[in-house]
Amino acid sequence: MLNMRLRNLLIVFGTVLTLATPPGAAPMVPERPRLTAEQRTLRDLSEVKLDVFPLAEDLTEAGMTHEGLRKAFTKTAESAGLKIVDADDVPMARLVIFASKNPQQPDALALTFILAIHQRIAVKRLNEDFKAPTAFFTQTRLTTLEDAERLVEWELRTMTRRVMKIVNRASE
């Protein structure tokens, strides 16, 4: 009888212990965050037409040129795997750099970088196709007139890497 009670007690204890213990499993890997619609529009992006907005006067004062900026972006983009082409049937990368100075600090320069990827999209509500921005990358930096050109080249590399990182994730 004691043996039977002990056996029943062990069965109940074992059952409770089994139910209370989470099942053993391999370490859980967190699920990768879902891409936004904006990010998904960059899937398989491999080439773009480049449109560089006219340079702000403060940037030309710092020694930069429109053609120099175009060449710097082209070099940066192509080294990151984004080919620059001269065709109208591919997405367009529009680069805009706004610059502003404060008269109280004449050597300081605030730069706002905008890289917008324009693509053909369909607007169902209007039943029309457009070429419109589908993805934006922005950054604001403070610098000096003397260091502006170096900072612009650095920021172009940074923005291009961010774009290509998202392109690669969207293309997986």
N, C-alpha and C. Protein backbone atom coordinates (compact mmCIF):
# COMPACT_ATOMS: atom_id res chain seq x y z
N MET A 1 0.82 -1.18 0.00
CA MET A 1 0.00 0.00 0.00
C MET A 1 0.87 1.25 0.00
N LEU A 2 1.90 1.25 0.81
CA LEU A 2 2.82 2.37 0.85
C LEU A 2 3.53 2.51 -0.49
N ASN A 3 3.85 1.36 -1.04
CA ASN A 3 4.50 1.35 -2.33
C ASN A 3 3.59 1.96 -3.41
N MET A 4 2.30 1.65 -3.35
CA MET A 4 1.33 2.17 -4.31
C MET A 4 1.16 3.68 -4.13
N ARG A 5 1.08 4.16 -2.88
CA ARG A 5 0.96 5.59 -2.62
C ARG A 5 2.20 6.34 -3.12
N LEU A 6 3.35 5.80 -2.86
CA LEU A 6 4.60 6.41 -3.30
C LEU A 6 4.64 6.47 -4.83
N ARG A 7 4.21 5.38 -5.45
CA ARG A 7 4.19 5.34 -6.90
C ARG A 7 3.22 6.40 -7.45
N ASN A 8 2.02 6.52 -6.90
CA ASN A 8 1.04 7.51 -7.35
C ASN A 8 1.54 8.93 -7.11
N LEU A 9 2.16 9.14 -5.98
CA LEU A 9 2.72 10.46 -5.66
C LEU A 9 3.80 10.83 -6.65
N LEU A 10 4.66 9.89 -7.01
CA LEU A 10 5.72 10.14 -7.99
C LEU A 10 5.14 10.43 -9.37
N ILE A 11 4.06 9.72 -9.72
CA ILE A 11 3.42 9.97 -11.01
C ILE A 11 2.83 11.38 -11.04
N VAL A 12 2.12 11.78 -9.98
CA VAL A 12 1.53 13.12 -9.91
C VAL A 12 2.64 14.16 -9.93
N PHE A 13 3.68 13.96 -9.14
CA PHE A 13 4.80 14.90 -9.09
C PHE A 13 5.47 15.01 -10.46
N GLY A 14 5.68 13.89 -11.12
CA GLY A 14 6.31 13.88 -12.44
C GLY A 14 5.45 14.59 -13.48
N THR A 15 4.13 14.38 -13.38
CA THR A 15 3.22 15.04 -14.32
C THR A 15 3.24 16.55 -14.12
N VAL A 16 3.17 17.00 -12.87
CA VAL A 16 3.20 18.43 -12.56
C VAL A 16 4.53 19.02 -13.02
N LEU A 17 5.61 18.35 -12.74
CA LEU A 17 6.93 18.82 -13.15
C LEU A 17 7.04 18.91 -14.67
N THR A 18 6.51 17.92 -15.37
CA THR A 18 6.55 17.92 -16.83
C THR A 18 5.75 19.07 -17.41
N LEU A 19 4.56 19.30 -16.85
CA LEU A 19 3.71 20.38 -17.35
C LEU A 19 4.27 21.76 -17.02
N ALA A 20 4.98 21.87 -15.92
CA ALA A 20 5.50 23.16 -15.49
C ALA A 20 6.82 23.52 -16.16
N THR A 21 7.47 22.58 -16.77
CA THR A 21 8.77 22.82 -17.39
C THR A 21 8.59 23.11 -18.88
N PRO A 22 9.13 24.24 -19.37
CA PRO A 22 9.01 24.53 -20.80
C PRO A 22 9.81 23.50 -21.59
N PRO A 23 9.35 23.17 -22.77
CA PRO A 23 10.07 22.18 -23.56
C PRO A 23 11.45 22.70 -23.95
N GLY A 24 12.41 21.84 -23.97
CA GLY A 24 13.76 22.20 -24.38
C GLY A 24 13.80 22.36 -25.88
N ALA A 25 14.49 23.37 -26.34
CA ALA A 25 14.60 23.60 -27.77
C ALA A 25 15.90 24.34 -28.04
N ALA A 26 16.22 24.40 -29.30
CA ALA A 26 17.40 25.16 -29.69
C ALA A 26 17.15 26.63 -29.37
N PRO A 27 18.19 27.42 -29.20
CA PRO A 27 17.99 28.85 -28.91
C PRO A 27 17.11 29.49 -29.98
N MET A 28 16.19 30.32 -29.55
CA MET A 28 15.30 30.97 -30.50
C MET A 28 16.03 32.12 -31.17
N VAL A 29 15.90 32.20 -32.47
CA VAL A 29 16.49 33.30 -33.23
C VAL A 29 15.37 34.32 -33.45
N PRO A 30 15.62 35.56 -33.09
CA PRO A 30 14.55 36.55 -33.27
C PRO A 30 14.18 36.68 -34.75
N GLU A 31 12.90 36.85 -35.00
CA GLU A 31 12.44 37.01 -36.37
C GLU A 31 12.93 38.34 -36.91
N ARG A 32 13.40 38.30 -38.13
CA ARG A 32 13.90 39.52 -38.77
C ARG A 32 12.74 40.50 -38.97
N PRO A 33 12.97 41.77 -38.63
CA PRO A 33 11.89 42.74 -38.80
C PRO A 33 11.43 42.80 -40.26
N ARG A 34 10.16 42.97 -40.45
CA ARG A 34 9.61 43.06 -41.80
C ARG A 34 10.05 44.37 -42.44
N LEU A 35 10.23 44.32 -43.73
CA LEU A 35 10.60 45.52 -44.47
C LEU A 35 9.35 46.38 -44.70
N THR A 36 9.55 47.67 -44.69
CA THR A 36 8.45 48.59 -44.99
C THR A 36 8.18 48.55 -46.49
N ALA A 37 7.05 49.09 -46.89
CA ALA A 37 6.72 49.17 -48.31
C ALA A 37 7.78 49.98 -49.05
N GLU A 38 8.23 51.06 -48.41
CA GLU A 38 9.27 51.91 -49.01
C GLU A 38 10.54 51.09 -49.25
N GLN A 39 10.93 50.28 -48.28
CA GLN A 39 12.13 49.47 -48.42
C GLN A 39 11.95 48.39 -49.48
N ARG A 40 10.77 47.79 -49.54
CA ARG A 40 10.51 46.73 -50.53
C ARG A 40 10.60 47.25 -51.96
N THR A 41 10.34 48.55 -52.18
CA THR A 41 10.43 49.10 -53.53
C THR A 41 11.86 49.08 -54.06
N LEU A 42 12.83 48.84 -53.19
CA LEU A 42 14.23 48.84 -53.61
C LEU A 42 14.75 47.45 -53.99
N ARG A 43 13.87 46.45 -53.92
CA ARG A 43 14.29 45.08 -54.26
C ARG A 43 14.87 45.03 -55.67
N ASP A 44 16.01 44.38 -55.78
CA ASP A 44 16.71 44.16 -57.06
C ASP A 44 17.14 45.44 -57.76
N LEU A 45 17.25 46.54 -57.03
CA LEU A 45 17.72 47.80 -57.62
C LEU A 45 19.21 47.65 -57.92
N SER A 46 19.58 47.76 -59.19
CA SER A 46 20.99 47.59 -59.54
C SER A 46 21.54 48.75 -60.36
N GLU A 47 20.64 49.55 -60.93
CA GLU A 47 21.10 50.70 -61.71
C GLU A 47 20.10 51.83 -61.62
N VAL A 48 20.63 53.04 -61.68
CA VAL A 48 19.80 54.25 -61.61
C VAL A 48 20.38 55.31 -62.52
N LYS A 49 19.51 56.23 -62.90
CA LYS A 49 19.95 57.44 -63.57
C LYS A 49 20.17 58.46 -62.47
N LEU A 50 21.23 59.23 -62.55
CA LEU A 50 21.56 60.20 -61.51
C LEU A 50 21.10 61.59 -61.89
N ASP A 51 20.41 62.25 -60.97
CA ASP A 51 20.00 63.64 -61.14
C ASP A 51 20.51 64.39 -59.92
N VAL A 52 21.48 65.28 -60.14
CA VAL A 52 22.04 66.06 -59.04
C VAL A 52 21.44 67.46 -59.11
N PHE A 53 20.77 67.83 -58.05
CA PHE A 53 20.14 69.15 -57.95
C PHE A 53 21.23 70.21 -57.98
N PRO A 54 20.99 71.38 -58.58
CA PRO A 54 22.01 72.43 -58.60
C PRO A 54 22.54 72.73 -57.19
N LEU A 55 23.84 72.94 -57.12
CA LEU A 55 24.49 73.18 -55.83
C LEU A 55 24.10 74.51 -55.20
N ALA A 56 24.00 74.47 -53.90
CA ALA A 56 23.76 75.70 -53.15
C ALA A 56 24.99 76.60 -53.26
N GLU A 57 24.76 77.90 -53.23
CA GLU A 57 25.85 78.87 -53.35
C GLU A 57 26.92 78.65 -52.28
N ASP A 58 26.49 78.29 -51.07
CA ASP A 58 27.45 78.06 -49.99
C ASP A 58 28.40 76.89 -50.30
N LEU A 59 27.91 75.90 -51.06
CA LEU A 59 28.77 74.78 -51.43
C LEU A 59 29.76 75.17 -52.52
N THR A 60 29.33 75.99 -53.45
CA THR A 60 30.27 76.44 -54.48
C THR A 60 31.32 77.35 -53.85
N GLU A 61 30.89 78.11 -52.84
CA GLU A 61 31.84 78.95 -52.10
C GLU A 61 32.88 78.09 -51.38
N ALA A 62 32.49 76.89 -51.00
CA ALA A 62 33.40 75.97 -50.32
C ALA A 62 34.29 75.22 -51.32
N GLY A 63 34.13 75.52 -52.62
CA GLY A 63 35.01 74.93 -53.62
C GLY A 63 34.42 73.74 -54.36
N MET A 64 33.17 73.41 -54.13
CA MET A 64 32.58 72.27 -54.79
C MET A 64 31.95 72.68 -56.12
N THR A 65 31.86 71.70 -57.05
CA THR A 65 31.22 71.95 -58.33
C THR A 65 30.15 70.88 -58.57
N HIS A 66 29.21 71.22 -59.42
CA HIS A 66 28.14 70.29 -59.77
C HIS A 66 28.74 69.01 -60.37
N GLU A 67 29.67 69.19 -61.31
CA GLU A 67 30.29 68.02 -61.96
C GLU A 67 31.12 67.21 -60.97
N GLY A 68 31.80 67.88 -60.06
CA GLY A 68 32.59 67.17 -59.04
C GLY A 68 31.70 66.33 -58.13
N LEU A 69 30.55 66.88 -57.77
CA LEU A 69 29.60 66.14 -56.93
C LEU A 69 29.05 64.94 -57.69
N ARG A 70 28.74 65.14 -58.96
CA ARG A 70 28.23 64.05 -59.80
C ARG A 70 29.27 62.92 -59.89
N LYS A 71 30.52 63.28 -60.12
CA LYS A 71 31.58 62.28 -60.22
C LYS A 71 31.79 61.55 -58.90
N ALA A 72 31.77 62.30 -57.79
CA ALA A 72 31.96 61.69 -56.47
C ALA A 72 30.84 60.70 -56.16
N PHE A 73 29.59 61.08 -56.46
CA PHE A 73 28.48 60.16 -56.20
C PHE A 73 28.56 58.94 -57.09
N THR A 74 28.88 59.14 -58.37
CA THR A 74 28.99 58.01 -59.31
C THR A 74 30.03 57.02 -58.83
N LYS A 75 31.19 57.52 -58.43
CA LYS A 75 32.26 56.63 -57.95
C LYS A 75 31.80 55.87 -56.70
N THR A 76 31.20 56.57 -55.77
CA THR A 76 30.73 55.96 -54.54
C THR A 76 29.65 54.91 -54.80
N ALA A 77 28.68 55.27 -55.63
CA ALA A 77 27.57 54.35 -55.93
C ALA A 77 28.07 53.10 -56.63
N GLU A 78 28.91 53.28 -57.62
CA GLU A 78 29.38 52.11 -58.38
C GLU A 78 30.27 51.21 -57.54
N SER A 79 31.05 51.79 -56.62
CA SER A 79 31.88 50.93 -55.76
C SER A 79 31.01 50.16 -54.76
N ALA A 80 29.79 50.65 -54.50
CA ALA A 80 28.86 49.96 -53.60
C ALA A 80 27.97 48.97 -54.35
N GLY A 81 28.07 48.95 -55.68
CA GLY A 81 27.28 48.00 -56.47
C GLY A 81 26.06 48.59 -57.14
N LEU A 82 25.95 49.91 -57.17
CA LEU A 82 24.82 50.58 -57.81
C LEU A 82 25.34 51.28 -59.05
N LYS A 83 24.97 50.77 -60.21
CA LYS A 83 25.48 51.30 -61.48
C LYS A 83 24.72 52.57 -61.87
N ILE A 84 25.46 53.58 -62.31
CA ILE A 84 24.87 54.83 -62.78
C ILE A 84 24.80 54.76 -64.30
N VAL A 85 23.60 54.91 -64.85
CA VAL A 85 23.40 54.81 -66.31
C VAL A 85 22.69 56.07 -66.80
N ASP A 86 22.78 56.30 -68.10
CA ASP A 86 22.09 57.44 -68.71
C ASP A 86 20.93 56.90 -69.53
N ALA A 87 19.86 56.53 -68.84
CA ALA A 87 18.68 55.97 -69.50
C ALA A 87 17.44 56.45 -68.75
N ASP A 88 16.36 56.62 -69.49
CA ASP A 88 15.13 57.11 -68.86
C ASP A 88 14.22 56.00 -68.35
N ASP A 89 14.49 54.75 -68.72
CA ASP A 89 13.62 53.65 -68.34
C ASP A 89 14.06 52.93 -67.06
N VAL A 90 14.94 53.55 -66.29
CA VAL A 90 15.41 52.97 -65.03
C VAL A 90 15.04 53.93 -63.89
N PRO A 91 15.06 53.44 -62.65
CA PRO A 91 14.80 54.35 -61.53
C PRO A 91 15.82 55.50 -61.53
N MET A 92 15.45 56.60 -60.89
CA MET A 92 16.32 57.77 -60.83
C MET A 92 16.71 58.04 -59.39
N ALA A 93 17.97 58.32 -59.17
CA ALA A 93 18.45 58.76 -57.85
C ALA A 93 18.63 60.26 -57.93
N ARG A 94 17.83 60.99 -57.15
CA ARG A 94 17.94 62.46 -57.13
C ARG A 94 18.67 62.86 -55.85
N LEU A 95 19.79 63.52 -56.02
CA LEU A 95 20.61 63.98 -54.89
C LEU A 95 20.45 65.48 -54.73
N VAL A 96 20.06 65.88 -53.53
CA VAL A 96 19.90 67.29 -53.20
C VAL A 96 20.69 67.56 -51.93
N ILE A 97 21.47 68.63 -51.93
CA ILE A 97 22.18 69.04 -50.72
C ILE A 97 21.85 70.51 -50.47
N PHE A 98 21.14 70.74 -49.38
CA PHE A 98 20.84 72.10 -48.96
C PHE A 98 21.93 72.55 -48.01
N ALA A 99 22.32 73.80 -48.13
CA ALA A 99 23.35 74.35 -47.26
C ALA A 99 22.87 75.69 -46.71
N SER A 100 23.20 75.92 -45.44
CA SER A 100 22.86 77.23 -44.88
C SER A 100 23.93 77.65 -43.89
N LYS A 101 24.15 78.95 -43.88
CA LYS A 101 25.14 79.54 -42.97
C LYS A 101 24.43 80.48 -42.01
N ASN A 102 25.04 80.62 -40.87
CA ASN A 102 24.55 81.56 -39.87
C ASN A 102 25.50 82.77 -39.91
N PRO A 103 25.00 83.97 -40.16
CA PRO A 103 25.87 85.14 -40.24
C PRO A 103 26.69 85.37 -38.97
N GLN A 104 26.20 84.86 -37.84
CA GLN A 104 26.94 85.03 -36.60
C GLN A 104 28.12 84.07 -36.49
N GLN A 105 28.10 83.01 -37.33
CA GLN A 105 29.22 82.06 -37.37
C GLN A 105 29.55 81.79 -38.83
N PRO A 106 30.25 82.69 -39.48
CA PRO A 106 30.45 82.64 -40.92
C PRO A 106 31.22 81.41 -41.43
N ASP A 107 31.98 80.76 -40.58
CA ASP A 107 32.73 79.58 -41.03
C ASP A 107 31.94 78.28 -40.87
N ALA A 108 30.80 78.33 -40.17
CA ALA A 108 29.99 77.13 -39.95
C ALA A 108 29.02 76.94 -41.10
N LEU A 109 28.75 75.69 -41.41
CA LEU A 109 27.86 75.35 -42.51
C LEU A 109 26.99 74.18 -42.10
N ALA A 110 25.68 74.32 -42.24
CA ALA A 110 24.74 73.23 -41.97
C ALA A 110 24.36 72.62 -43.32
N LEU A 111 24.51 71.31 -43.44
CA LEU A 111 24.21 70.62 -44.70
C LEU A 111 23.09 69.61 -44.46
N THR A 112 22.11 69.60 -45.34
CA THR A 112 21.06 68.59 -45.30
C THR A 112 21.11 67.84 -46.62
N PHE A 113 21.31 66.53 -46.52
CA PHE A 113 21.43 65.66 -47.68
C PHE A 113 20.10 64.93 -47.87
N ILE A 114 19.64 64.90 -49.11
CA ILE A 114 18.45 64.12 -49.44
C ILE A 114 18.77 63.29 -50.67
N LEU A 115 18.60 62.00 -50.54
CA LEU A 115 18.73 61.10 -51.67
C LEU A 115 17.37 60.43 -51.84
N ALA A 116 16.72 60.72 -52.95
CA ALA A 116 15.39 60.16 -53.22
C ALA A 116 15.48 59.23 -54.43
N ILE A 117 14.91 58.05 -54.29
CA ILE A 117 14.86 57.10 -55.40
C ILE A 117 13.47 57.24 -56.04
N HIS A 118 13.45 57.67 -57.31
CA HIS A 118 12.21 57.85 -58.06
C HIS A 118 12.02 56.63 -58.97
N GLN A 119 10.80 56.09 -58.96
CA GLN A 119 10.51 54.94 -59.80
C GLN A 119 9.13 55.07 -60.42
N ARG A 120 8.87 54.28 -61.45
CA ARG A 120 7.55 54.24 -62.06
C ARG A 120 6.62 53.54 -61.08
N ILE A 121 5.53 54.20 -60.77
CA ILE A 121 4.53 53.61 -59.86
C ILE A 121 3.15 53.79 -60.46
N ALA A 122 2.23 52.94 -60.04
CA ALA A 122 0.85 53.06 -60.47
C ALA A 122 0.02 53.54 -59.28
N VAL A 123 -0.76 54.56 -59.51
CA VAL A 123 -1.68 55.04 -58.48
C VAL A 123 -3.07 54.54 -58.87
N LYS A 124 -3.51 53.50 -58.17
CA LYS A 124 -4.78 52.87 -58.53
C LYS A 124 -5.95 53.84 -58.45
N ARG A 125 -5.96 54.69 -57.46
CA ARG A 125 -7.05 55.64 -57.28
C ARG A 125 -7.23 56.51 -58.52
N LEU A 126 -6.12 56.86 -59.17
CA LEU A 126 -6.17 57.72 -60.36
C LEU A 126 -6.10 56.93 -61.66
N ASN A 127 -5.80 55.64 -61.52
CA ASN A 127 -5.63 54.77 -62.68
C ASN A 127 -4.57 55.34 -63.63
N GLU A 128 -3.44 55.79 -63.03
CA GLU A 128 -2.34 56.38 -63.82
C GLU A 128 -1.00 55.89 -63.31
N ASP A 129 -0.02 55.93 -64.19
CA ASP A 129 1.36 55.64 -63.85
C ASP A 129 2.13 56.95 -63.74
N PHE A 130 3.05 56.99 -62.78
CA PHE A 130 3.88 58.17 -62.56
C PHE A 130 5.31 57.73 -62.27
N LYS A 131 6.24 58.67 -62.44
CA LYS A 131 7.58 58.48 -61.90
C LYS A 131 7.62 59.37 -60.68
N ALA A 132 7.75 58.75 -59.51
CA ALA A 132 7.67 59.50 -58.25
C ALA A 132 8.63 58.89 -57.24
N PRO A 133 8.99 59.67 -56.21
CA PRO A 133 9.89 59.13 -55.20
C PRO A 133 9.22 57.99 -54.41
N THR A 134 9.96 56.90 -54.27
CA THR A 134 9.45 55.76 -53.50
C THR A 134 10.28 55.50 -52.25
N ALA A 135 11.45 56.09 -52.17
CA ALA A 135 12.31 55.90 -51.00
C ALA A 135 13.15 57.15 -50.79
N PHE A 136 13.28 57.55 -49.52
CA PHE A 136 14.05 58.75 -49.17
C PHE A 136 15.12 58.40 -48.14
N PHE A 137 16.25 59.03 -48.27
CA PHE A 137 17.31 58.93 -47.28
C PHE A 137 17.75 60.35 -46.98
N THR A 138 17.73 60.74 -45.72
CA THR A 138 18.11 62.11 -45.36
C THR A 138 19.11 62.10 -44.22
N GLN A 139 19.89 63.16 -44.18
CA GLN A 139 20.88 63.31 -43.12
C GLN A 139 21.22 64.80 -43.02
N THR A 140 21.42 65.29 -41.81
CA THR A 140 21.85 66.67 -41.60
C THR A 140 23.17 66.66 -40.84
N ARG A 141 24.09 67.47 -41.28
CA ARG A 141 25.42 67.55 -40.66
C ARG A 141 25.83 69.00 -40.51
N LEU A 142 26.64 69.25 -39.50
CA LEU A 142 27.28 70.56 -39.32
C LEU A 142 28.75 70.41 -39.64
N THR A 143 29.30 71.41 -40.30
CA THR A 143 30.71 71.37 -40.67
C THR A 143 31.23 72.80 -40.80
N THR A 144 32.45 72.91 -41.24
CA THR A 144 33.03 74.22 -41.55
C THR A 144 33.16 74.33 -43.06
N LEU A 145 33.29 75.55 -43.56
CA LEU A 145 33.49 75.75 -45.00
C LEU A 145 34.73 74.98 -45.47
N GLU A 146 35.76 75.02 -44.65
CA GLU A 146 37.03 74.37 -44.98
C GLU A 146 36.89 72.86 -45.12
N ASP A 147 36.02 72.25 -44.31
CA ASP A 147 35.89 70.79 -44.27
C ASP A 147 34.66 70.28 -45.05
N ALA A 148 33.92 71.17 -45.70
CA ALA A 148 32.65 70.80 -46.34
C ALA A 148 32.82 69.73 -47.42
N GLU A 149 33.80 69.87 -48.28
CA GLU A 149 33.97 68.92 -49.37
C GLU A 149 34.27 67.51 -48.85
N ARG A 150 35.13 67.42 -47.84
CA ARG A 150 35.44 66.10 -47.26
C ARG A 150 34.20 65.49 -46.63
N LEU A 151 33.42 66.31 -45.92
CA LEU A 151 32.21 65.81 -45.28
C LEU A 151 31.18 65.35 -46.31
N VAL A 152 31.03 66.08 -47.39
CA VAL A 152 30.09 65.70 -48.44
C VAL A 152 30.47 64.34 -49.02
N GLU A 153 31.73 64.14 -49.33
CA GLU A 153 32.18 62.85 -49.88
C GLU A 153 31.94 61.73 -48.87
N TRP A 154 32.21 61.98 -47.60
CA TRP A 154 31.99 60.97 -46.56
C TRP A 154 30.50 60.63 -46.46
N GLU A 155 29.66 61.66 -46.48
CA GLU A 155 28.22 61.43 -46.34
C GLU A 155 27.65 60.71 -47.56
N LEU A 156 28.17 60.99 -48.75
CA LEU A 156 27.73 60.26 -49.94
C LEU A 156 28.01 58.77 -49.79
N ARG A 157 29.20 58.44 -49.27
CA ARG A 157 29.53 57.02 -49.04
C ARG A 157 28.58 56.40 -48.01
N THR A 158 28.32 57.13 -46.93
CA THR A 158 27.44 56.63 -45.88
C THR A 158 26.03 56.39 -46.40
N MET A 159 25.49 57.35 -47.12
CA MET A 159 24.13 57.20 -47.64
C MET A 159 24.04 56.07 -48.66
N THR A 160 25.04 55.95 -49.51
CA THR A 160 25.03 54.90 -50.52
C THR A 160 25.09 53.52 -49.86
N ARG A 161 25.90 53.39 -48.82
CA ARG A 161 25.96 52.11 -48.09
C ARG A 161 24.61 51.79 -47.46
N ARG A 162 23.93 52.80 -46.90
CA ARG A 162 22.60 52.58 -46.30
C ARG A 162 21.61 52.12 -47.36
N VAL A 163 21.63 52.76 -48.51
CA VAL A 163 20.73 52.35 -49.61
C VAL A 163 21.00 50.91 -50.00
N MET A 164 22.26 50.58 -50.23
CA MET A 164 22.60 49.25 -50.71
C MET A 164 22.34 48.18 -49.65
N LYS A 165 22.46 48.52 -48.39
CA LYS A 165 22.13 47.57 -47.33
C LYS A 165 20.65 47.22 -47.41
N ILE A 166 19.81 48.21 -47.63
CA ILE A 166 18.37 47.95 -47.75
C ILE A 166 18.07 47.21 -49.05
N VAL A 167 18.73 47.58 -50.14
CA VAL A 167 18.54 46.87 -51.42
C VAL A 167 18.85 45.39 -51.22
N ASN A 168 19.96 45.10 -50.56
CA ASN A 168 20.37 43.70 -50.35
C ASN A 168 19.37 42.96 -49.47
N ARG A 169 18.89 43.60 -48.39
CA ARG A 169 17.89 42.95 -47.52
C ARG A 169 16.60 42.70 -48.29
N ALA A 170 16.18 43.67 -49.08
CA ALA A 170 14.94 43.53 -49.83
C ALA A 170 15.06 42.47 -50.92
N SER A 171 16.28 42.21 -51.39
CA SER A 171 16.50 41.28 -52.49
C SER A 171 16.74 39.85 -52.01
N GLU A 172 16.79 39.63 -50.72
CA GLU A 172 17.06 38.27 -50.19
C GLU A 172 15.90 37.34 -50.47
